[in-house]
Amino acid sequence: MGRSLLSAITLSLLTLSISAAETLEPKRWELQDNRWKSVEQPPSTDRAARNDPALDAIEQTIAARAYRPAAKDLIRWFKSHARAPQFDRALFLMAEALYGYGDRVKSFYYLDELLDEYPESEYFTRALDKQYQIADAYLNGYKRRVLGLPLLHARDEAVEILFRIQSRSPNSRIAERSLLRTADFYFASKDYDFAADAYAAYLKSYSRSPNVPQVKLRRAYANLFQFRGRTFDPTPVLDARQQFVELQQEAPELAQAEDIASLITRIDDALAGKLVYTAEFYQRTHQPKAASYTWRDLAQRYPTAPQSDRARARIERLPVPEVLPTGNPSTQPLSKVD
């Protein structure tokens, strides 16, 4: 009985030790088979060999927000500790100091060196997170320093940083956040063609994400907002209509909240208005058969649209075309969706 009790206590202590070790060691996550899974980190360098009182003091200086003195101390440390076991930690601390001071571009470059030279570092994930913070700040309006003063925007650089994060750690959580942040930035900047492409890439890579319904909604709006008038290519509007219809089927509550049904009706009115524009053009240029074909196409595709009554009235006075309208809606330019 005593031996059984001792074995149980030993097993419990061993389990607690393993749990504690797991919580102390940083974890990496990767998307495998559309599920996030933790992956084992490579064995780290002996902690005793990595201890450095100078870096400990510098870290305390950074915590006290004395960023410039900390950066100067780190420069001296780099000169006397080339490729020391703690070099990755020193790079990260320099990035932290520069970030706190406000020189986010230099901070990014130190993080980039860490990621390039020390891919197995325990600071790898933290460096990616810090680069994401830098990019996000620039996209939110933070400015680059010139002669110590924040003067220049760096939105293009921020987008490049987000793409580099995705390439360094594909299928990770930080990569997913970076791609979505990029798409949202393009949408907010009214670069709707880039936004639609970025949202499509997200849906392809992260099809099981809980963000999918909202991303599909944003992609549809991005396609819709690309339309510039009835003399332009209406393909994005047709894509948007199809995506709104699919959203009604896949996420009815979201579609109802966004009043997608009303939006589809407005798109159909615009498509019908485009056909009116085309039919009247044919009539002005003395092409009655083409005009008749287009009016019939309008009445057939959009029977409830206000323009259909006008189309039916015109059909009675025009010859019957040799080929009756069938297939998909016309891809000619549309009237503007108000």
C-alpha atoms as a PDB file:
ATOM      1  CA  MET A   1       0.000   0.000   0.000  1.00  0.00           C
ATOM      2  CA  GLY A   2       2.881   2.375   0.899  1.00  0.00           C
ATOM      3  CA  ARG A   3       4.640   1.676  -2.418  1.00  0.00           C
ATOM      4  CA  SER A   4       1.408   2.304  -4.374  1.00  0.00           C
ATOM      5  CA  LEU A   5       0.912   5.615  -2.604  1.00  0.00           C
ATOM      6  CA  LEU A   6       4.526   6.615  -3.261  1.00  0.00           C
ATOM      7  CA  SER A   7       4.161   5.711  -6.954  1.00  0.00           C
ATOM      8  CA  ALA A   8       0.994   7.764  -7.230  1.00  0.00           C
ATOM      9  CA  ILE A   9       2.673  10.774  -5.612  1.00  0.00           C
ATOM     10  CA  THR A  10       5.716  10.406  -7.895  1.00  0.00           C
ATOM     11  CA  LEU A  11       3.486  10.179 -10.977  1.00  0.00           C
ATOM     12  CA  SER A  12       1.555  13.277  -9.903  1.00  0.00           C
ATOM     13  CA  LEU A  13       4.752  15.263  -9.350  1.00  0.00           C
ATOM     14  CA  LEU A  14       6.083  14.140 -12.731  1.00  0.00           C
ATOM     15  CA  THR A  15       2.839  15.222 -14.442  1.00  0.00           C
ATOM     16  CA  LEU A  16       2.963  18.606 -12.732  1.00  0.00           C
ATOM     17  CA  SER A  17       6.596  19.041 -13.744  1.00  0.00           C
ATOM     18  CA  ILE A  18       5.783  18.275 -17.375  1.00  0.00           C
ATOM     19  CA  SER A  19       2.832  20.702 -17.304  1.00  0.00           C
ATOM     20  CA  ALA A  20       4.980  23.402 -15.793  1.00  0.00           C
ATOM     21  CA  ALA A  21       7.671  22.864 -18.395  1.00  0.00           C
ATOM     22  CA  GLU A  22       5.087  23.083 -21.170  1.00  0.00           C
ATOM     23  CA  THR A  23       3.779  26.380 -19.851  1.00  0.00           C
ATOM     24  CA  LEU A  24       7.271  27.843 -19.588  1.00  0.00           C
ATOM     25  CA  GLU A  25       8.359  26.871 -23.081  1.00  0.00           C
ATOM     26  CA  PRO A  26       6.959  29.035 -25.903  1.00  0.00           C
ATOM     27  CA  LYS A  27       4.761  27.259 -28.398  1.00  0.00           C
ATOM     28  CA  ARG A  28       4.294  27.667 -32.124  1.00  0.00           C
ATOM     29  CA  TRP A  29       1.018  27.056 -33.863  1.00  0.00           C
ATOM     30  CA  GLU A  30       0.498  25.972 -37.450  1.00  0.00           C
ATOM     31  CA  LEU A  31      -2.641  25.408 -39.520  1.00  0.00           C
ATOM     32  CA  GLN A  32      -2.680  21.727 -40.454  1.00  0.00           C
ATOM     33  CA  ASP A  33      -5.682  20.185 -42.196  1.00  0.00           C
ATOM     34  CA  ASN A  34      -7.640  23.385 -41.470  1.00  0.00           C
ATOM     35  CA  ARG A  35      -6.987  23.071 -37.720  1.00  0.00           C
ATOM     36  CA  TRP A  36      -4.595  24.955 -35.485  1.00  0.00           C
ATOM     37  CA  LYS A  37      -2.044  22.588 -33.921  1.00  0.00           C
ATOM     38  CA  SER A  38       0.872  23.290 -31.628  1.00  0.00           C
ATOM     39  CA  VAL A  39       4.250  22.180 -32.937  1.00  0.00           C
ATOM     40  CA  GLU A  40       7.300  21.358 -30.892  1.00  0.00           C
ATOM     41  CA  GLN A  41       9.935  24.025 -30.575  1.00  0.00           C
ATOM     42  CA  PRO A  42      13.544  23.040 -31.295  1.00  0.00           C
ATOM     43  CA  PRO A  43      15.645  22.614 -28.168  1.00  0.00           C
ATOM     44  CA  SER A  44      16.889  25.984 -26.930  1.00  0.00           C
ATOM     45  CA  THR A  45      20.421  26.856 -25.875  1.00  0.00           C
ATOM     46  CA  ASP A  46      21.275  26.156 -22.256  1.00  0.00           C
ATOM     47  CA  ARG A  47      19.698  28.915 -20.180  1.00  0.00           C
ATOM     48  CA  ALA A  48      22.735  29.295 -17.942  1.00  0.00           C
ATOM     49  CA  ALA A  49      24.881  30.069 -20.983  1.00  0.00           C
ATOM     50  CA  ARG A  50      22.343  32.623 -22.127  1.00  0.00           C
ATOM     51  CA  ASN A  51      22.248  34.615 -18.904  1.00  0.00           C
ATOM     52  CA  ASP A  52      23.822  38.047 -19.257  1.00  0.00           C
ATOM     53  CA  PRO A  53      23.697  40.643 -16.461  1.00  0.00           C
ATOM     54  CA  ALA A  54      24.298  43.464 -18.957  1.00  0.00           C
ATOM     55  CA  LEU A  55      21.258  42.503 -21.022  1.00  0.00           C
ATOM     56  CA  ASP A  56      19.230  42.085 -17.832  1.00  0.00           C
ATOM     57  CA  ALA A  57      20.123  45.656 -16.867  1.00  0.00           C
ATOM     58  CA  ILE A  58      19.278  46.925 -20.362  1.00  0.00           C
ATOM     59  CA  GLU A  59      15.917  45.173 -20.213  1.00  0.00           C
ATOM     60  CA  GLN A  60      15.187  46.980 -16.943  1.00  0.00           C
ATOM     61  CA  THR A  61      16.175  50.269 -18.581  1.00  0.00           C
ATOM     62  CA  ILE A  62      13.697  49.620 -21.385  1.00  0.00           C
ATOM     63  CA  ALA A  63      11.007  48.755 -18.828  1.00  0.00           C
ATOM     64  CA  ALA A  64      11.683  52.163 -17.246  1.00  0.00           C
ATOM     65  CA  ARG A  65      11.072  53.742 -20.701  1.00  0.00           C
ATOM     66  CA  ALA A  66      14.606  55.067 -20.981  1.00  0.00           C
ATOM     67  CA  TYR A  67      14.775  53.961 -24.598  1.00  0.00           C
ATOM     68  CA  ARG A  68      17.666  56.031 -25.960  1.00  0.00           C
ATOM     69  CA  PRO A  69      20.117  55.112 -23.145  1.00  0.00           C
ATOM     70  CA  ALA A  70      19.114  51.468 -23.603  1.00  0.00           C
ATOM     71  CA  ALA A  71      19.848  51.656 -27.351  1.00  0.00           C
ATOM     72  CA  LYS A  72      23.285  53.182 -26.682  1.00  0.00           C
ATOM     73  CA  ASP A  73      24.096  50.441 -24.162  1.00  0.00           C
ATOM     74  CA  LEU A  74      23.058  47.805 -26.697  1.00  0.00           C
ATOM     75  CA  ILE A  75      25.316  49.272 -29.391  1.00  0.00           C
ATOM     76  CA  ARG A  76      28.268  48.909 -27.008  1.00  0.00           C
ATOM     77  CA  TRP A  77      27.138  45.378 -26.194  1.00  0.00           C
ATOM     78  CA  PHE A  78      27.006  44.414 -29.895  1.00  0.00           C
ATOM     79  CA  LYS A  79      30.583  45.603 -30.416  1.00  0.00           C
ATOM     80  CA  SER A  80      31.939  43.366 -27.666  1.00  0.00           C
ATOM     81  CA  HIS A  81      29.652  40.323 -28.029  1.00  0.00           C
ATOM     82  CA  ALA A  82      29.623  39.457 -31.729  1.00  0.00           C
ATOM     83  CA  ARG A  83      27.570  36.293 -32.274  1.00  0.00           C
ATOM     84  CA  ALA A  84      27.289  35.554 -28.564  1.00  0.00           C
ATOM     85  CA  PRO A  85      24.639  33.001 -27.476  1.00  0.00           C
ATOM     86  CA  GLN A  86      22.479  35.928 -26.333  1.00  0.00           C
ATOM     87  CA  PHE A  87      22.718  37.804 -29.636  1.00  0.00           C
ATOM     88  CA  ASP A  88      19.101  37.082 -30.615  1.00  0.00           C
ATOM     89  CA  ARG A  89      17.926  38.468 -27.286  1.00  0.00           C
ATOM     90  CA  ALA A  90      20.034  41.592 -27.804  1.00  0.00           C
ATOM     91  CA  LEU A  91      18.519  42.101 -31.256  1.00  0.00           C
ATOM     92  CA  PHE A  92      15.039  41.842 -29.801  1.00  0.00           C
ATOM     93  CA  LEU A  93      15.863  44.296 -27.001  1.00  0.00           C
ATOM     94  CA  MET A  94      17.245  46.775 -29.538  1.00  0.00           C
ATOM     95  CA  ALA A  95      14.038  46.460 -31.522  1.00  0.00           C
ATOM     96  CA  GLU A  96      12.051  47.096 -28.336  1.00  0.00           C
ATOM     97  CA  ALA A  97      14.136  50.171 -27.503  1.00  0.00           C
ATOM     98  CA  LEU A  98      13.786  51.630 -30.996  1.00  0.00           C
ATOM     99  CA  TYR A  99      10.073  50.843 -31.026  1.00  0.00           C
ATOM    100  CA  GLY A 100       9.604  52.656 -27.727  1.00  0.00           C
ATOM    101  CA  TYR A 101      11.631  55.645 -28.932  1.00  0.00           C
ATOM    102  CA  GLY A 102       9.492  55.853 -32.083  1.00  0.00           C
ATOM    103  CA  ASP A 103      11.888  54.703 -34.801  1.00  0.00           C
ATOM    104  CA  ARG A 104       9.726  51.825 -35.978  1.00  0.00           C
ATOM    105  CA  VAL A 105      11.581  51.308 -39.285  1.00  0.00           C
ATOM    106  CA  LYS A 106      14.913  50.596 -37.568  1.00  0.00           C
ATOM    107  CA  SER A 107      13.068  48.442 -35.074  1.00  0.00           C
ATOM    108  CA  PHE A 108      11.689  46.419 -37.982  1.00  0.00           C
ATOM    109  CA  TYR A 109      15.171  45.876 -39.443  1.00  0.00           C
ATOM    110  CA  TYR A 110      16.561  44.549 -36.163  1.00  0.00           C
ATOM    111  CA  LEU A 111      13.607  42.186 -35.908  1.00  0.00           C
ATOM    112  CA  ASP A 112      14.192  41.147 -39.506  1.00  0.00           C
ATOM    113  CA  GLU A 113      17.820  40.281 -38.729  1.00  0.00           C
ATOM    114  CA  LEU A 114      16.658  38.190 -35.791  1.00  0.00           C
ATOM    115  CA  LEU A 115      14.155  36.337 -37.982  1.00  0.00           C
ATOM    116  CA  ASP A 116      16.721  35.786 -40.747  1.00  0.00           C
ATOM    117  CA  GLU A 117      19.648  34.709 -38.613  1.00  0.00           C
ATOM    118  CA  TYR A 118      17.897  32.951 -35.734  1.00  0.00           C
ATOM    119  CA  PRO A 119      14.818  31.105 -37.042  1.00  0.00           C
ATOM    120  CA  GLU A 120      14.971  28.726 -34.063  1.00  0.00           C
ATOM    121  CA  SER A 121      15.112  31.513 -31.486  1.00  0.00           C
ATOM    122  CA  GLU A 122      12.627  31.630 -28.651  1.00  0.00           C
ATOM    123  CA  TYR A 123      12.076  35.257 -29.702  1.00  0.00           C
ATOM    124  CA  PHE A 124      10.940  34.298 -33.215  1.00  0.00           C
ATOM    125  CA  THR A 125       7.193  34.471 -32.501  1.00  0.00           C
ATOM    126  CA  ARG A 126       7.558  37.615 -30.407  1.00  0.00           C
ATOM    127  CA  ALA A 127       9.506  39.254 -33.219  1.00  0.00           C
ATOM    128  CA  LEU A 128       6.716  38.490 -35.689  1.00  0.00           C
ATOM    129  CA  ASP A 129       4.165  39.937 -33.268  1.00  0.00           C
ATOM    130  CA  LYS A 130       6.258  43.087 -32.899  1.00  0.00           C
ATOM    131  CA  GLN A 131       6.536  43.459 -36.680  1.00  0.00           C
ATOM    132  CA  TYR A 132       2.762  43.144 -36.909  1.00  0.00           C
ATOM    133  CA  GLN A 133       2.403  45.925 -34.317  1.00  0.00           C
ATOM    134  CA  ILE A 134       4.730  48.127 -36.383  1.00  0.00           C
ATOM    135  CA  ALA A 135       2.746  47.530 -39.575  1.00  0.00           C
ATOM    136  CA  ASP A 136      -0.583  48.057 -37.831  1.00  0.00           C
ATOM    137  CA  ALA A 137       0.595  51.340 -36.329  1.00  0.00           C
ATOM    138  CA  TYR A 138       1.705  52.661 -39.725  1.00  0.00           C
ATOM    139  CA  LEU A 139      -1.593  51.642 -41.301  1.00  0.00           C
ATOM    140  CA  ASN A 140      -3.380  53.523 -38.527  1.00  0.00           C
ATOM    141  CA  GLY A 141      -1.504  56.718 -39.348  1.00  0.00           C
ATOM    142  CA  TYR A 142       1.718  56.502 -37.347  1.00  0.00           C
ATOM    143  CA  LYS A 143       4.475  58.413 -39.181  1.00  0.00           C
ATOM    144  CA  ARG A 144       8.131  57.718 -39.910  1.00  0.00           C
ATOM    145  CA  ARG A 145      10.724  59.880 -38.213  1.00  0.00           C
ATOM    146  CA  VAL A 146      12.863  62.282 -40.247  1.00  0.00           C
ATOM    147  CA  LEU A 147      15.594  64.065 -38.281  1.00  0.00           C
ATOM    148  CA  GLY A 148      13.883  62.810 -35.154  1.00  0.00           C
ATOM    149  CA  LEU A 149      10.469  64.161 -36.140  1.00  0.00           C
ATOM    150  CA  PRO A 150       7.436  62.037 -37.183  1.00  0.00           C
ATOM    151  CA  LEU A 151       6.762  63.385 -40.686  1.00  0.00           C
ATOM    152  CA  LEU A 152       6.195  60.681 -43.313  1.00  0.00           C
ATOM    153  CA  HIS A 153       3.512  58.067 -43.755  1.00  0.00           C
ATOM    154  CA  ALA A 154       4.676  54.486 -44.311  1.00  0.00           C
ATOM    155  CA  ARG A 155       1.565  52.633 -45.420  1.00  0.00           C
ATOM    156  CA  ASP A 156       3.247  50.958 -48.395  1.00  0.00           C
ATOM    157  CA  GLU A 157       6.048  49.751 -46.117  1.00  0.00           C
ATOM    158  CA  ALA A 158       3.432  48.459 -43.664  1.00  0.00           C
ATOM    159  CA  VAL A 159       1.754  46.347 -46.344  1.00  0.00           C
ATOM    160  CA  GLU A 160       5.154  44.955 -47.315  1.00  0.00           C
ATOM    161  CA  ILE A 161       5.821  44.061 -43.667  1.00  0.00           C
ATOM    162  CA  LEU A 162       2.523  42.165 -43.476  1.00  0.00           C
ATOM    163  CA  PHE A 163       3.375  40.201 -46.609  1.00  0.00           C
ATOM    164  CA  ARG A 164       6.804  39.338 -45.191  1.00  0.00           C
ATOM    165  CA  ILE A 165       5.166  38.051 -42.023  1.00  0.00           C
ATOM    166  CA  GLN A 166       2.962  35.764 -44.113  1.00  0.00           C
ATOM    167  CA  SER A 167       5.928  34.437 -46.076  1.00  0.00           C
ATOM    168  CA  ARG A 168       7.982  33.802 -42.922  1.00  0.00           C
ATOM    169  CA  SER A 169       5.283  31.955 -41.032  1.00  0.00           C
ATOM    170  CA  PRO A 170       2.709  30.634 -43.529  1.00  0.00           C
ATOM    171  CA  ASN A 171      -0.503  29.092 -42.192  1.00  0.00           C
ATOM    172  CA  SER A 172       0.097  30.540 -38.728  1.00  0.00           C
ATOM    173  CA  ARG A 173      -2.243  32.697 -36.699  1.00  0.00           C
ATOM    174  CA  ILE A 174      -0.092  35.774 -37.220  1.00  0.00           C
ATOM    175  CA  ALA A 175      -0.120  35.126 -40.987  1.00  0.00           C
ATOM    176  CA  GLU A 176      -3.922  34.931 -40.951  1.00  0.00           C
ATOM    177  CA  ARG A 177      -4.151  38.208 -39.027  1.00  0.00           C
ATOM    178  CA  SER A 178      -1.699  39.841 -41.425  1.00  0.00           C
ATOM    179  CA  LEU A 179      -3.639  38.845 -44.526  1.00  0.00           C
ATOM    180  CA  LEU A 180      -6.936  40.015 -43.054  1.00  0.00           C
ATOM    181  CA  ARG A 181      -5.371  43.287 -41.888  1.00  0.00           C
ATOM    182  CA  THR A 182      -4.039  43.869 -45.400  1.00  0.00           C
ATOM    183  CA  ALA A 183      -7.461  43.259 -46.952  1.00  0.00           C
ATOM    184  CA  ASP A 184      -9.163  45.568 -44.445  1.00  0.00           C
ATOM    185  CA  PHE A 185      -6.593  48.292 -45.130  1.00  0.00           C
ATOM    186  CA  TYR A 186      -7.215  48.108 -48.882  1.00  0.00           C
ATOM    187  CA  PHE A 187     -10.973  48.244 -48.262  1.00  0.00           C
ATOM    188  CA  ALA A 188     -10.697  51.260 -45.964  1.00  0.00           C
ATOM    189  CA  SER A 189      -8.420  52.962 -48.513  1.00  0.00           C
ATOM    190  CA  LYS A 190     -11.003  52.324 -51.276  1.00  0.00           C
ATOM    191  CA  ASP A 191      -8.575  50.153 -53.232  1.00  0.00           C
ATOM    192  CA  TYR A 192     -11.455  47.783 -53.801  1.00  0.00           C
ATOM    193  CA  ASP A 193      -9.823  45.654 -56.505  1.00  0.00           C
ATOM    194  CA  PHE A 194      -6.898  44.836 -54.187  1.00  0.00           C
ATOM    195  CA  ALA A 195      -9.295  44.326 -51.288  1.00  0.00           C
ATOM    196  CA  ALA A 196     -11.416  41.837 -53.246  1.00  0.00           C
ATOM    197  CA  ASP A 197      -8.308  39.853 -54.216  1.00  0.00           C
ATOM    198  CA  ALA A 198      -7.002  39.844 -50.637  1.00  0.00           C
ATOM    199  CA  TYR A 199     -10.361  38.721 -49.208  1.00  0.00           C
ATOM    200  CA  ALA A 200     -10.533  35.965 -51.844  1.00  0.00           C
ATOM    201  CA  ALA A 201      -7.041  34.803 -50.852  1.00  0.00           C
ATOM    202  CA  TYR A 202      -8.118  34.734 -47.199  1.00  0.00           C
ATOM    203  CA  LEU A 203     -11.204  32.646 -47.976  1.00  0.00           C
ATOM    204  CA  LYS A 204      -9.071  30.199 -49.939  1.00  0.00           C
ATOM    205  CA  SER A 205      -6.462  29.796 -47.195  1.00  0.00           C
ATOM    206  CA  TYR A 206      -8.693  29.949 -44.099  1.00  0.00           C
ATOM    207  CA  SER A 207     -11.998  28.491 -45.213  1.00  0.00           C
ATOM    208  CA  ARG A 208     -12.914  27.310 -41.695  1.00  0.00           C
ATOM    209  CA  SER A 209     -12.197  30.557 -39.906  1.00  0.00           C
ATOM    210  CA  PRO A 210     -15.080  32.056 -37.897  1.00  0.00           C
ATOM    211  CA  ASN A 211     -14.395  35.278 -39.806  1.00  0.00           C
ATOM    212  CA  VAL A 212     -15.530  33.731 -43.112  1.00  0.00           C
ATOM    213  CA  PRO A 213     -19.096  35.214 -43.223  1.00  0.00           C
ATOM    214  CA  GLN A 214     -17.858  38.746 -42.554  1.00  0.00           C
ATOM    215  CA  VAL A 215     -15.005  38.309 -45.030  1.00  0.00           C
ATOM    216  CA  LYS A 216     -17.444  37.129 -47.711  1.00  0.00           C
ATOM    217  CA  LEU A 217     -19.607  40.168 -47.031  1.00  0.00           C
ATOM    218  CA  ARG A 218     -16.617  42.500 -47.352  1.00  0.00           C
ATOM    219  CA  ARG A 219     -15.500  40.779 -50.568  1.00  0.00           C
ATOM    220  CA  ALA A 220     -18.949  41.258 -52.105  1.00  0.00           C
ATOM    221  CA  TYR A 221     -18.976  44.945 -51.156  1.00  0.00           C
ATOM    222  CA  ALA A 222     -15.448  45.344 -52.518  1.00  0.00           C
ATOM    223  CA  ASN A 223     -16.606  43.984 -55.867  1.00  0.00           C
ATOM    224  CA  LEU A 224     -19.733  46.131 -55.868  1.00  0.00           C
ATOM    225  CA  PHE A 225     -17.814  49.317 -55.072  1.00  0.00           C
ATOM    226  CA  GLN A 226     -15.493  48.814 -58.033  1.00  0.00           C
ATOM    227  CA  PHE A 227     -18.288  49.877 -60.361  1.00  0.00           C
ATOM    228  CA  ARG A 228     -17.704  53.350 -61.797  1.00  0.00           C
ATOM    229  CA  GLY A 229     -20.617  53.863 -64.182  1.00  0.00           C
ATOM    230  CA  ARG A 230     -22.583  52.416 -67.055  1.00  0.00           C
ATOM    231  CA  THR A 231     -19.731  52.826 -69.549  1.00  0.00           C
ATOM    232  CA  PHE A 232     -17.424  50.577 -67.484  1.00  0.00           C
ATOM    233  CA  ASP A 233     -17.082  46.812 -67.200  1.00  0.00           C
ATOM    234  CA  PRO A 234     -19.900  45.495 -64.963  1.00  0.00           C
ATOM    235  CA  THR A 235     -18.216  42.151 -64.209  1.00  0.00           C
ATOM    236  CA  PRO A 236     -17.430  43.080 -60.557  1.00  0.00           C
ATOM    237  CA  VAL A 237     -21.105  44.020 -60.014  1.00  0.00           C
ATOM    238  CA  LEU A 238     -22.256  40.686 -61.421  1.00  0.00           C
ATOM    239  CA  ASP A 239     -19.730  38.922 -59.166  1.00  0.00           C
ATOM    240  CA  ALA A 240     -20.988  40.911 -56.199  1.00  0.00           C
ATOM    241  CA  ARG A 241     -24.599  39.945 -56.899  1.00  0.00           C
ATOM    242  CA  GLN A 242     -23.714  36.258 -57.008  1.00  0.00           C
ATOM    243  CA  GLN A 243     -21.733  36.569 -53.765  1.00  0.00           C
ATOM    244  CA  PHE A 244     -24.620  38.341 -52.029  1.00  0.00           C
ATOM    245  CA  VAL A 245     -26.992  35.563 -53.127  1.00  0.00           C
ATOM    246  CA  GLU A 246     -24.615  32.928 -51.747  1.00  0.00           C
ATOM    247  CA  LEU A 247     -24.343  34.851 -48.484  1.00  0.00           C
ATOM    248  CA  GLN A 248     -28.144  34.798 -48.146  1.00  0.00           C
ATOM    249  CA  GLN A 249     -28.010  31.005 -48.278  1.00  0.00           C
ATOM    250  CA  GLU A 250     -24.944  30.494 -46.069  1.00  0.00           C
ATOM    251  CA  ALA A 251     -25.461  33.202 -43.423  1.00  0.00           C
ATOM    252  CA  PRO A 252     -29.151  34.225 -43.442  1.00  0.00           C
ATOM    253  CA  GLU A 253     -28.935  36.146 -40.153  1.00  0.00           C
ATOM    254  CA  LEU A 254     -26.041  38.274 -41.371  1.00  0.00           C
ATOM    255  CA  ALA A 255     -27.769  38.793 -44.719  1.00  0.00           C
ATOM    256  CA  GLN A 256     -30.922  39.952 -42.973  1.00  0.00           C
ATOM    257  CA  ALA A 257     -28.989  42.308 -40.696  1.00  0.00           C
ATOM    258  CA  GLU A 258     -27.260  43.840 -43.730  1.00  0.00           C
ATOM    259  CA  ASP A 259     -30.534  43.966 -45.732  1.00  0.00           C
ATOM    260  CA  ILE A 260     -28.901  42.068 -48.588  1.00  0.00           C
ATOM    261  CA  ALA A 261     -32.259  41.393 -50.259  1.00  0.00           C
ATOM    262  CA  SER A 262     -32.796  45.117 -50.772  1.00  0.00           C
ATOM    263  CA  LEU A 263     -29.267  45.501 -52.100  1.00  0.00           C
ATOM    264  CA  ILE A 264     -29.776  42.711 -54.646  1.00  0.00           C
ATOM    265  CA  THR A 265     -32.953  44.462 -55.817  1.00  0.00           C
ATOM    266  CA  ARG A 266     -30.992  47.675 -56.357  1.00  0.00           C
ATOM    267  CA  ILE A 267     -28.354  45.777 -58.321  1.00  0.00           C
ATOM    268  CA  ASP A 268     -31.067  44.221 -60.493  1.00  0.00           C
ATOM    269  CA  ASP A 269     -32.550  47.662 -61.112  1.00  0.00           C
ATOM    270  CA  ALA A 270     -29.116  48.838 -62.219  1.00  0.00           C
ATOM    271  CA  LEU A 271     -28.751  45.855 -64.549  1.00  0.00           C
ATOM    272  CA  ALA A 272     -32.173  46.568 -65.996  1.00  0.00           C
ATOM    273  CA  GLY A 273     -31.233  50.212 -66.399  1.00  0.00           C
ATOM    274  CA  LYS A 274     -28.154  49.169 -68.324  1.00  0.00           C
ATOM    275  CA  LEU A 275     -30.297  47.176 -70.739  1.00  0.00           C
ATOM    276  CA  VAL A 276     -32.535  50.215 -71.226  1.00  0.00           C
ATOM    277  CA  TYR A 277     -29.438  52.264 -72.058  1.00  0.00           C
ATOM    278  CA  THR A 278     -28.282  49.624 -74.557  1.00  0.00           C
ATOM    279  CA  ALA A 279     -31.701  49.179 -76.187  1.00  0.00           C
ATOM    280  CA  GLU A 280     -32.133  52.915 -76.651  1.00  0.00           C
ATOM    281  CA  PHE A 281     -28.688  53.100 -78.225  1.00  0.00           C
ATOM    282  CA  TYR A 282     -29.711  50.467 -80.777  1.00  0.00           C
ATOM    283  CA  GLN A 283     -32.879  52.395 -81.552  1.00  0.00           C
ATOM    284  CA  ARG A 284     -30.995  55.656 -82.011  1.00  0.00           C
ATOM    285  CA  THR A 285     -28.589  53.951 -84.408  1.00  0.00           C
ATOM    286  CA  HIS A 286     -31.450  52.341 -86.388  1.00  0.00           C
ATOM    287  CA  GLN A 287     -30.872  48.724 -85.347  1.00  0.00           C
ATOM    288  CA  PRO A 288     -34.467  47.630 -84.563  1.00  0.00           C
ATOM    289  CA  LYS A 289     -33.724  43.907 -84.316  1.00  0.00           C
ATOM    290  CA  ALA A 290     -30.930  44.448 -81.800  1.00  0.00           C
ATOM    291  CA  ALA A 291     -33.157  46.835 -79.866  1.00  0.00           C
ATOM    292  CA  SER A 292     -35.997  44.316 -79.861  1.00  0.00           C
ATOM    293  CA  TYR A 293     -33.628  41.599 -78.624  1.00  0.00           C
ATOM    294  CA  THR A 294     -32.406  43.808 -75.760  1.00  0.00           C
ATOM    295  CA  TRP A 295     -35.923  44.902 -74.710  1.00  0.00           C
ATOM    296  CA  ARG A 296     -37.029  41.251 -74.642  1.00  0.00           C
ATOM    297  CA  ASP A 297     -33.912  40.351 -72.665  1.00  0.00           C
ATOM    298  CA  LEU A 298     -34.814  42.999 -70.094  1.00  0.00           C
ATOM    299  CA  ALA A 299     -38.437  41.851 -69.759  1.00  0.00           C
ATOM    300  CA  GLN A 300     -37.381  38.214 -69.426  1.00  0.00           C
ATOM    301  CA  ARG A 301     -34.587  38.669 -66.887  1.00  0.00           C
ATOM    302  CA  TYR A 302     -36.113  41.374 -64.695  1.00  0.00           C
ATOM    303  CA  PRO A 303     -39.913  40.990 -64.974  1.00  0.00           C
ATOM    304  CA  THR A 304     -40.558  42.880 -61.713  1.00  0.00           C
ATOM    305  CA  ALA A 305     -38.188  45.766 -62.409  1.00  0.00           C
ATOM    306  CA  PRO A 306     -39.825  49.171 -63.091  1.00  0.00           C
ATOM    307  CA  GLN A 307     -38.171  49.240 -66.526  1.00  0.00           C
ATOM    308  CA  SER A 308     -39.967  46.040 -67.614  1.00  0.00           C
ATOM    309  CA  ASP A 309     -43.253  47.853 -68.346  1.00  0.00           C
ATOM    310  CA  ARG A 310     -41.372  50.172 -70.639  1.00  0.00           C
ATOM    311  CA  ALA A 311     -39.678  47.212 -72.303  1.00  0.00           C
ATOM    312  CA  ARG A 312     -42.973  45.413 -72.975  1.00  0.00           C
ATOM    313  CA  ALA A 313     -44.430  48.551 -74.531  1.00  0.00           C
ATOM    314  CA  ARG A 314     -41.454  48.871 -76.876  1.00  0.00           C
ATOM    315  CA  ILE A 315     -41.516  45.184 -77.856  1.00  0.00           C
ATOM    316  CA  GLU A 316     -44.986  45.535 -79.382  1.00  0.00           C
ATOM    317  CA  ARG A 317     -43.701  48.127 -81.861  1.00  0.00           C
ATOM    318  CA  LEU A 318     -40.489  46.325 -82.866  1.00  0.00           C
ATOM    319  CA  PRO A 319     -39.822  43.253 -85.048  1.00  0.00           C
ATOM    320  CA  VAL A 320     -39.229  39.865 -83.444  1.00  0.00           C
ATOM    321  CA  PRO A 321     -35.460  39.060 -83.505  1.00  0.00           C
ATOM    322  CA  GLU A 322     -34.279  35.857 -85.144  1.00  0.00           C
ATOM    323  CA  VAL A 323     -32.602  34.729 -81.878  1.00  0.00           C
ATOM    324  CA  LEU A 324     -34.413  35.207 -78.587  1.00  0.00           C
ATOM    325  CA  PRO A 325     -32.405  36.147 -75.469  1.00  0.00           C
ATOM    326  CA  THR A 326     -31.074  33.294 -73.310  1.00  0.00           C
ATOM    327  CA  GLY A 327     -28.152  32.686 -70.959  1.00  0.00           C
ATOM    328  CA  ASN A 328     -26.536  34.978 -68.416  1.00  0.00           C
ATOM    329  CA  PRO A 329     -27.283  38.682 -67.948  1.00  0.00           C
ATOM    330  CA  SER A 330     -25.609  41.042 -70.355  1.00  0.00           C
ATOM    331  CA  THR A 331     -22.061  42.042 -69.579  1.00  0.00           C
ATOM    332  CA  GLN A 332     -22.451  45.462 -71.174  1.00  0.00           C
ATOM    333  CA  PRO A 333     -21.857  48.502 -68.914  1.00  0.00           C
ATOM    334  CA  LEU A 334     -24.489  49.280 -66.273  1.00  0.00           C
ATOM    335  CA  SER A 335     -26.076  52.400 -64.973  1.00  0.00           C
ATOM    336  CA  LYS A 336     -24.603  53.630 -61.716  1.00  0.00           C
ATOM    337  CA  VAL A 337     -25.978  52.015 -58.544  1.00  0.00           C
ATOM    338  CA  ASP A 338     -27.187  54.882 -56.384  1.00  0.00           C
END
